[in-house]
Amino acid sequence: LLSELIRVTEERLRKLNRLNVSYNIEIKSTPEDEKRGYQPSVEVFSKLVVETILKQLPHSRFTIQSFDWRILSFLHQKFPDVRLVALR
């Protein structure tokens, strides 16, 4: 789980006294996978990812990247403080 990855990483970073690390998290999504039911809707999926991250990290410690501009557009509107990276 993403939450577990962040928790374990943060524990290790604390032990190393290296809390200045930032995360670059990619959300992989395609309209085809969404239509086939392989993943939730863009809105549900994106919101779940960001809310999971924000429970453990401040905005300043992560970016979200994606090739799927639907995700980036949704996050820009719903979470304007989250830094986004557009992939091509």
Foldseek 3Di string as FASTA:
>chain_A
DVLVVLVVVVVVCVVVVNVQAAEEAEDEDDPVCCVVVVDDDLLVVLVVVVVSVVVPDDLVRYAYEYCDVVNVVNCCVPPVSHHYDHDD
